[in-house]
Amino acid sequence: MAGGVERALRRRIKSIQSTKKITRAMELIAASRIVRAQQRVLAARPYIEQLTAVIANLSSAGAGLTHPLLETRESIGSVGFVTITADRGLCGGYNANMHRLTERAVAREKAAGRDYRLIAVGRKGNNFFRYRNYRIDGSFAGFSETPTYEDARAIAADLMAKYESGEIDQAQLIYTRFLSLGSQRATERQLLPLDPKAITETVREEDAGSADAYEFEPSPDEILAELLPRYVEARIFGALLEAAASEQVARQRAMKAATDNANDLIKNLDRVANRARQEMITTEIMEIVGGAEGMAQATAASHDN
């Protein structure tokens, strides 16, 4: 019986060791991708900051900021949500955090008597909300780990078309903000309409003060009309990059925890298997000793006879 238990434990240990090799490999892959993802986040920020500075300079140069993407509507009947999740799992609570934040945001708008439109970016979010019968008006997937600017452009085009046609009166962006390797935060931010005050306040005072030195051709209003859609695309692209970096950090952390748990489980099972083996050896020794004593008693009895 003890031998059978030991064999079963050894088989289980071997299975866990195989799983540990997989989780360890995934941990190393995620760790190697974190660096590249972080570099892409840092590389994209100067573009977004410079684009913001140009828009602020246009504003101070006389652009009226009356573009449809900047106009706040008197009544909000429908809110669009762009929620960014991963295409794959095995990344801890990364996707679950996005699901919960989106569900709370949709419930908030419903409680206020507003309708909603959902644009799901990432297979996990798309599958989650479809399974729960949420209305999904747009779906994008296949690039969560390595998003490109063209992916952001496609999402922005769909969102801006809905906004300009009146399908939605406001748009919210839900994603995981990458603060550092040790800190990522589930975030909801208003994307449309753009806030002119928020745009101009993000520019440093010395940069904004130099706006009078620029001459614009064509007019500031025409340039602004061209740049604002690019600004929406850049905001979405930045969110995609931060989400990709956060996903890799979450996956590396989850796989490390799985590997550590596998090590602990192997250690405990190995201890139990050794105990079972010791019990089996002890039982066999007892049987041998008992058999030897029985034979000695039988021999002594035959001599007495």
Protein backbone atom coordinates (compact mmCIF):
# COMPACT_ATOMS: atom_id res chain seq x y z
CA MET A 1 0.00 0.00 0.00
CA ALA A 2 2.77 2.42 0.95
CA GLY A 3 4.63 1.60 -2.26
CA GLY A 4 1.55 2.51 -4.31
CA VAL A 5 1.21 5.82 -2.48
CA GLU A 6 4.86 6.64 -3.12
CA ARG A 7 4.56 5.88 -6.83
CA ALA A 8 1.47 8.11 -7.10
CA LEU A 9 3.29 10.93 -5.32
CA ARG A 10 6.34 10.58 -7.56
CA ARG A 11 4.12 10.78 -10.65
CA ARG A 12 2.49 13.92 -9.29
CA ILE A 13 5.88 15.47 -8.51
CA LYS A 14 7.03 14.76 -12.07
CA SER A 15 3.89 16.40 -13.45
CA ILE A 16 4.39 19.50 -11.30
CA GLN A 17 8.02 19.71 -12.39
CA SER A 18 6.90 19.75 -16.02
CA THR A 19 4.43 22.53 -15.26
CA LYS A 20 7.13 24.45 -13.40
CA LYS A 21 9.36 24.38 -16.48
CA ILE A 22 6.56 25.98 -18.50
CA THR A 23 5.79 28.70 -15.93
CA ARG A 24 9.50 29.43 -15.52
CA ALA A 25 9.93 29.80 -19.28
CA MET A 26 6.90 32.09 -19.48
CA GLU A 27 8.27 34.16 -16.61
CA LEU A 28 11.59 34.66 -18.42
CA ILE A 29 9.86 35.51 -21.71
CA ALA A 30 7.64 38.08 -20.01
CA ALA A 31 10.64 39.57 -18.20
CA SER A 32 12.49 39.99 -21.50
CA ARG A 33 9.45 41.65 -23.11
CA ILE A 34 8.95 44.10 -20.24
CA VAL A 35 12.09 46.02 -21.17
CA ARG A 36 11.03 46.46 -24.80
CA ALA A 37 7.49 47.41 -23.80
CA GLN A 38 8.78 49.99 -21.33
CA GLN A 39 11.10 51.45 -23.98
CA ARG A 40 8.16 51.82 -26.39
CA VAL A 41 6.15 53.66 -23.72
CA LEU A 42 9.01 56.07 -23.08
CA ALA A 43 9.66 56.55 -26.80
CA ALA A 44 6.02 57.49 -27.53
CA ARG A 45 5.70 60.08 -24.77
CA PRO A 46 7.76 62.85 -26.47
CA TYR A 47 5.52 62.65 -29.56
CA ILE A 48 2.37 63.00 -27.48
CA GLU A 49 3.89 65.82 -25.44
CA GLN A 50 5.04 67.69 -28.56
CA LEU A 51 1.66 67.26 -30.22
CA THR A 52 0.03 68.65 -27.09
CA ALA A 53 2.43 71.60 -27.14
CA VAL A 54 1.59 72.41 -30.77
CA ILE A 55 -2.15 72.34 -30.02
CA ALA A 56 -1.59 74.64 -27.04
CA ASN A 57 0.43 77.01 -29.21
CA LEU A 58 -2.34 77.02 -31.80
CA SER A 59 -4.83 77.91 -29.08
CA SER A 60 -2.77 80.84 -27.86
CA ALA A 61 -2.22 81.95 -31.48
CA GLY A 62 -5.91 82.45 -32.04
CA ALA A 63 -7.46 79.06 -32.79
CA GLY A 64 -10.96 79.15 -31.36
CA LEU A 65 -11.00 75.55 -30.12
CA THR A 66 -14.50 75.10 -31.57
CA HIS A 67 -13.79 71.79 -33.27
CA PRO A 68 -16.57 69.15 -32.80
CA LEU A 69 -14.13 66.99 -30.82
CA LEU A 70 -13.82 69.83 -28.28
CA GLU A 71 -17.47 70.79 -27.90
CA THR A 72 -19.15 69.61 -24.72
CA ARG A 73 -22.76 68.60 -25.41
CA GLU A 74 -25.52 69.93 -23.21
CA SER A 75 -27.08 66.54 -22.53
CA ILE A 76 -25.30 63.19 -22.41
CA GLY A 77 -27.53 60.43 -23.77
CA SER A 78 -24.95 57.75 -24.53
CA VAL A 79 -21.40 57.12 -23.34
CA GLY A 80 -18.82 55.12 -25.25
CA PHE A 81 -16.24 53.01 -23.40
CA VAL A 82 -12.96 51.89 -24.93
CA THR A 83 -11.75 49.13 -22.60
CA ILE A 84 -8.29 47.67 -23.18
CA THR A 85 -7.57 44.10 -22.06
CA ALA A 86 -5.14 41.37 -23.11
CA ASP A 87 -5.49 38.82 -25.88
CA ARG A 88 -4.20 36.06 -23.59
CA GLY A 89 -4.60 35.06 -19.98
CA LEU A 90 -2.07 33.83 -17.40
CA CYS A 91 -1.41 37.39 -16.24
CA GLY A 92 -2.90 37.38 -12.76
CA GLY A 93 -5.66 39.90 -12.09
CA TYR A 94 -4.78 42.17 -15.02
CA ASN A 95 -7.86 41.35 -17.12
CA ALA A 96 -10.17 40.97 -14.13
CA ASN A 97 -9.31 44.51 -12.98
CA MET A 98 -10.27 45.89 -16.39
CA HIS A 99 -13.51 43.90 -16.40
CA ARG A 100 -14.52 45.16 -12.94
CA LEU A 101 -13.67 48.79 -13.72
CA THR A 102 -15.64 48.67 -16.97
CA GLU A 103 -18.64 47.00 -15.32
CA ARG A 104 -18.69 49.65 -12.60
CA ALA A 105 -18.46 52.44 -15.19
CA VAL A 106 -21.31 50.98 -17.27
CA ALA A 107 -23.44 50.50 -14.15
CA ARG A 108 -22.78 54.13 -13.16
CA GLU A 109 -24.03 55.43 -16.51
CA LYS A 110 -27.06 53.15 -16.43
CA ALA A 111 -27.93 54.42 -12.95
CA ALA A 112 -27.74 57.98 -14.36
CA GLY A 113 -30.25 57.03 -17.07
CA ARG A 114 -27.70 56.98 -19.90
CA ASP A 115 -27.11 54.45 -22.64
CA TYR A 116 -23.67 52.99 -23.38
CA ARG A 117 -21.56 51.74 -26.27
CA LEU A 118 -18.69 49.34 -25.64
CA ILE A 119 -15.55 49.06 -27.76
CA ALA A 120 -13.60 46.01 -26.57
CA VAL A 121 -9.87 46.00 -27.31
CA GLY A 122 -8.39 42.56 -26.62
CA ARG A 123 -9.86 39.06 -26.88
CA LYS A 124 -10.28 38.59 -23.13
CA GLY A 125 -12.46 41.66 -22.77
CA ASN A 126 -14.43 40.84 -25.90
CA ASN A 127 -15.15 37.28 -24.72
CA PHE A 128 -15.97 38.40 -21.18
CA PHE A 129 -18.51 41.04 -22.15
CA ARG A 130 -20.10 38.99 -24.93
CA TYR A 131 -20.61 36.09 -22.53
CA ARG A 132 -22.38 38.46 -20.11
CA ASN A 133 -24.57 39.91 -22.87
CA TYR A 134 -23.12 43.40 -22.90
CA ARG A 135 -23.71 45.32 -26.10
CA ILE A 136 -20.42 45.53 -28.00
CA ASP A 137 -20.33 48.06 -30.85
CA GLY A 138 -16.69 47.53 -31.75
CA SER A 139 -14.09 44.81 -31.29
CA PHE A 140 -10.32 44.90 -31.88
CA ALA A 141 -7.89 42.10 -31.02
CA GLY A 142 -4.63 40.39 -31.93
CA PHE A 143 -2.15 43.12 -30.94
CA SER A 144 -2.35 43.56 -27.16
CA GLU A 145 1.33 42.71 -26.60
CA THR A 146 2.77 44.66 -29.55
CA PRO A 147 0.33 47.42 -30.59
CA THR A 148 1.14 49.65 -33.53
CA TYR A 149 0.05 53.18 -34.37
CA GLU A 150 -2.17 51.77 -37.13
CA ASP A 151 -4.08 49.78 -34.49
CA ALA A 152 -4.64 52.98 -32.50
CA ARG A 153 -5.71 54.77 -35.68
CA ALA A 154 -8.35 52.12 -36.44
CA ILE A 155 -9.77 52.35 -32.92
CA ALA A 156 -9.76 56.16 -32.99
CA ALA A 157 -11.48 56.26 -36.39
CA ASP A 158 -14.29 54.02 -35.15
CA LEU A 159 -14.68 56.03 -31.94
CA MET A 160 -14.61 59.46 -33.61
CA ALA A 161 -17.12 58.34 -36.24
CA LYS A 162 -19.53 57.33 -33.48
CA TYR A 163 -18.95 60.62 -31.67
CA GLU A 164 -19.34 62.89 -34.69
CA SER A 165 -22.47 61.02 -35.87
CA GLY A 166 -24.11 61.46 -32.46
CA GLU A 167 -24.18 57.78 -31.51
CA ILE A 168 -22.26 58.72 -28.38
CA ASP A 169 -22.02 62.06 -26.59
CA GLN A 170 -18.97 61.22 -24.51
CA ALA A 171 -16.12 58.67 -24.65
CA GLN A 172 -14.18 57.15 -21.77
CA LEU A 173 -10.86 55.31 -22.05
CA ILE A 174 -10.31 52.41 -19.63
CA TYR A 175 -6.83 50.90 -19.47
CA THR A 176 -4.00 49.97 -17.12
CA ARG A 177 -1.65 52.89 -16.63
CA PHE A 178 2.04 51.98 -16.47
CA LEU A 179 3.64 54.07 -13.73
CA SER A 180 6.75 51.95 -13.11
CA LEU A 181 7.85 48.33 -12.99
CA GLY A 182 6.45 48.11 -9.49
CA SER A 183 3.27 50.12 -9.98
CA GLN A 184 0.43 49.82 -12.51
CA ARG A 185 -3.02 51.28 -12.01
CA ALA A 186 -6.42 50.56 -13.57
CA THR A 187 -7.50 53.95 -14.93
CA GLU A 188 -10.57 55.56 -16.46
CA ARG A 189 -10.09 58.83 -18.35
CA GLN A 190 -12.34 60.97 -20.49
CA LEU A 191 -11.24 60.87 -24.11
CA LEU A 192 -14.03 62.76 -25.90
CA PRO A 193 -14.83 65.56 -25.89
CA LEU A 194 -11.26 66.75 -25.47
CA ASP A 195 -10.79 69.30 -22.72
CA PRO A 196 -9.08 72.45 -24.15
CA LYS A 197 -8.06 73.59 -20.67
CA ALA A 198 -6.46 70.22 -19.88
CA ILE A 199 -4.56 70.33 -23.19
CA THR A 200 -3.14 73.79 -22.66
CA GLU A 201 -2.30 73.19 -18.99
CA THR A 202 -0.12 70.20 -19.84
CA VAL A 203 2.35 72.45 -21.66
CA ARG A 204 5.10 74.15 -19.69
CA GLU A 205 4.71 77.86 -19.16
CA GLU A 206 7.87 78.70 -21.05
CA ASP A 207 6.74 76.71 -24.08
CA ALA A 208 3.27 78.24 -24.07
CA GLY A 209 4.73 81.71 -23.68
CA SER A 210 6.70 81.37 -26.90
CA ALA A 211 3.60 80.84 -29.03
CA ASP A 212 3.67 84.43 -30.35
CA ALA A 213 6.97 83.65 -32.12
CA TYR A 214 5.22 81.22 -34.48
CA GLU A 215 3.56 82.03 -37.78
CA PHE A 216 1.00 79.52 -38.98
CA GLU A 217 0.14 78.67 -42.58
CA PRO A 218 -2.68 77.81 -43.20
CA SER A 219 -4.73 79.34 -40.39
CA PRO A 220 -4.49 78.00 -36.82
CA ASP A 221 -8.08 76.74 -37.03
CA GLU A 222 -7.31 74.62 -40.11
CA ILE A 223 -4.16 73.17 -38.58
CA LEU A 224 -6.04 72.46 -35.36
CA ALA A 225 -8.74 70.59 -37.29
CA GLU A 226 -6.03 68.34 -38.72
CA LEU A 227 -4.16 67.82 -35.45
CA LEU A 228 -7.02 67.02 -33.09
CA PRO A 229 -7.80 63.61 -34.67
CA ARG A 230 -4.05 62.85 -34.49
CA TYR A 231 -4.17 63.80 -30.82
CA VAL A 232 -6.98 61.31 -30.16
CA GLU A 233 -4.99 58.63 -32.00
CA ALA A 234 -1.88 59.45 -29.98
CA ARG A 235 -3.81 59.26 -26.70
CA ILE A 236 -5.16 55.81 -27.62
CA PHE A 237 -1.74 54.66 -28.84
CA GLY A 238 -0.16 55.75 -25.57
CA ALA A 239 -2.83 53.83 -23.63
CA LEU A 240 -2.22 50.71 -25.76
CA LEU A 241 1.52 50.87 -25.09
CA GLU A 242 1.05 51.37 -21.35
CA ALA A 243 -1.45 48.49 -21.26
CA ALA A 244 1.01 46.24 -23.14
CA ALA A 245 3.80 47.01 -20.66
CA SER A 246 1.43 46.47 -17.72
CA GLU A 247 0.30 43.14 -19.19
CA GLN A 248 3.89 41.85 -19.39
CA VAL A 249 4.61 42.95 -15.82
CA ALA A 250 1.44 41.21 -14.62
CA ARG A 251 2.30 38.04 -16.54
CA GLN A 252 5.87 37.95 -15.24
CA ARG A 253 4.60 38.43 -11.70
CA ALA A 254 1.92 35.73 -12.07
CA MET A 255 4.33 33.21 -13.60
CA LYS A 256 6.90 33.85 -10.87
CA ALA A 257 4.23 33.20 -8.24
CA ALA A 258 3.22 30.00 -10.06
CA THR A 259 6.84 28.84 -10.22
CA ASP A 260 7.36 29.56 -6.52
CA ASN A 261 4.16 27.70 -5.65
CA ALA A 262 5.31 24.74 -7.75
CA ASN A 263 8.62 24.66 -5.87
CA ASP A 264 6.81 24.69 -2.52
CA LEU A 265 4.42 21.97 -3.63
CA ILE A 266 7.25 19.78 -4.93
CA LYS A 267 9.10 20.19 -1.64
CA ASN A 268 6.03 19.20 0.40
CA LEU A 269 5.16 16.24 -1.82
CA ASP A 270 8.78 15.06 -1.79
CA ARG A 271 8.68 15.11 2.00
CA VAL A 272 5.44 13.08 2.03
CA ALA A 273 6.86 10.62 -0.53
CA ASN A 274 10.02 10.14 1.55
CA ARG A 275 7.89 9.50 4.61
CA ALA A 276 5.84 6.93 2.70
CA ARG A 277 9.07 5.27 1.50
CA GLN A 278 10.39 5.16 5.06
CA GLU A 279 7.15 3.62 6.24
CA MET A 280 7.40 1.01 3.49
CA ILE A 281 11.00 0.17 4.41
CA THR A 282 10.09 -0.02 8.10
CA THR A 283 7.18 -2.32 7.30
CA GLU A 284 9.43 -4.58 5.20
CA ILE A 285 12.06 -4.69 7.98
CA MET A 286 9.38 -5.56 10.51
CA GLU A 287 8.12 -8.31 8.24
CA ILE A 288 11.65 -9.69 7.78
CA VAL A 289 12.33 -9.57 11.52
CA GLY A 290 9.00 -11.15 12.26
CA GLY A 291 9.63 -13.88 9.70
CA ALA A 292 13.12 -14.53 11.10
CA GLU A 293 11.79 -14.80 14.63
CA GLY A 294 9.06 -17.14 13.46
CA MET A 295 11.62 -19.36 11.71
CA ALA A 296 13.87 -19.33 14.78
CA GLN A 297 10.98 -20.36 17.00
CA ALA A 298 10.00 -23.09 14.56
CA THR A 299 13.59 -24.41 14.49
CA ALA A 300 13.83 -24.35 18.29
CA ALA A 301 10.55 -26.23 18.58
CA SER A 302 11.71 -28.92 16.12
CA HIS A 303 14.93 -29.39 18.13
CA ASP A 304 12.97 -29.80 21.37
CA ASN A 305 10.87 -32.49 19.73
